[in-house]
Amino acid sequence: MSQSIESPYLTAAEAAKYLRLEERTLNNMRWREEGPHWRKHGGKVIYHIKDLEGWSRSRDCGHGPSFDQDKDDDAEA
């Protein structure tokens, strides 16, 4: 019996799709050192999902309540 392991590591194509960006845009951001933190495993560029989420949160413009704030409010109640 084989079990499927959900990996928190995404390829550049998967990370771009997750962020709703074109892969080319994500690659350009990496070259300009403007995008999310990335790693290399065996010569392949990968992104950890928590790094993508953190980078996305850092891009918050602050207009209205965010999903994360709503979740935190529910936990405190």
Protein backbone atom coordinates (compact mmCIF):
# COMPACT_ATOMS: atom_id res chain seq x y z
CA MET A 1 0.00 0.00 0.00
CA SER A 2 1.41 3.36 -1.04
CA GLN A 3 0.49 6.57 0.77
CA SER A 4 0.51 9.93 -0.95
CA ILE A 5 2.53 12.55 0.93
CA GLU A 6 1.35 16.15 0.65
CA SER A 7 4.51 18.20 0.22
CA PRO A 8 4.66 21.81 1.42
CA TYR A 9 7.19 22.44 -1.37
CA LEU A 10 5.93 23.75 -4.70
CA THR A 11 7.65 24.07 -8.05
CA ALA A 12 7.82 27.52 -9.64
CA ALA A 13 4.82 26.64 -11.82
CA GLU A 14 2.80 25.44 -8.82
CA ALA A 15 3.82 28.45 -6.71
CA ALA A 16 2.84 30.85 -9.48
CA LYS A 17 -0.54 29.17 -9.83
CA TYR A 18 -1.02 29.29 -6.03
CA LEU A 19 -0.30 33.05 -6.05
CA ARG A 20 -2.34 33.54 -9.25
CA LEU A 21 0.68 34.88 -11.10
CA GLU A 22 2.23 33.88 -14.40
CA GLU A 23 5.25 31.63 -13.89
CA ARG A 24 7.31 34.10 -15.93
CA THR A 25 6.33 36.90 -13.51
CA LEU A 26 7.43 34.82 -10.51
CA ASN A 27 10.72 33.95 -12.24
CA ASN A 28 11.35 37.63 -13.05
CA MET A 29 10.62 38.58 -9.45
CA ARG A 30 13.13 35.96 -8.27
CA TRP A 31 15.84 37.38 -10.55
CA ARG A 32 15.12 40.91 -9.29
CA GLU A 33 15.09 39.59 -5.67
CA GLU A 34 11.58 41.00 -5.17
CA GLY A 35 9.47 37.87 -4.80
CA PRO A 36 8.90 35.28 -2.12
CA HIS A 37 11.78 33.37 -0.53
CA TRP A 38 12.84 30.38 -2.62
CA ARG A 39 15.16 27.40 -2.23
CA LYS A 40 17.06 25.01 -4.44
CA HIS A 41 16.77 21.27 -3.98
CA GLY A 42 18.91 19.28 -6.39
CA GLY A 43 19.21 22.24 -8.73
CA LYS A 44 15.44 22.77 -8.87
CA VAL A 45 13.89 26.03 -7.65
CA ILE A 46 11.15 25.38 -5.11
CA TYR A 47 8.98 27.44 -2.80
CA HIS A 48 7.69 26.48 0.65
CA ILE A 49 3.99 27.22 0.96
CA LYS A 50 4.49 29.11 4.26
CA ASP A 51 6.99 31.42 2.52
CA LEU A 52 4.38 32.12 -0.17
CA GLU A 53 1.73 32.86 2.45
CA GLY A 54 4.09 35.13 4.41
CA TRP A 55 5.11 37.01 1.29
CA SER A 56 1.47 37.46 0.33
CA ARG A 57 0.63 38.80 3.82
CA SER A 58 3.50 41.28 3.52
CA ARG A 59 1.84 42.65 0.38
CA ASP A 60 -1.38 43.51 2.28
CA CYS A 61 -2.54 47.03 1.44
CA GLY A 62 -4.62 47.32 4.61
CA HIS A 63 -8.04 48.06 3.12
CA GLY A 64 -10.79 46.45 5.20
CA PRO A 65 -10.67 43.28 7.29
CA SER A 66 -8.57 40.39 6.02
CA PHE A 67 -9.37 36.71 6.11
CA ASP A 68 -6.57 36.12 8.65
CA GLN A 69 -7.96 38.78 11.03
CA ASP A 70 -11.42 37.23 10.91
CA LYS A 71 -9.94 33.84 11.74
CA ASP A 72 -7.99 35.26 14.70
CA ASP A 73 -11.11 37.01 16.05
CA ASP A 74 -13.03 33.73 16.02
CA ALA A 75 -10.25 31.99 17.98
CA GLU A 76 -10.36 34.61 20.76
CA ALA A 77 -14.15 34.44 21.26
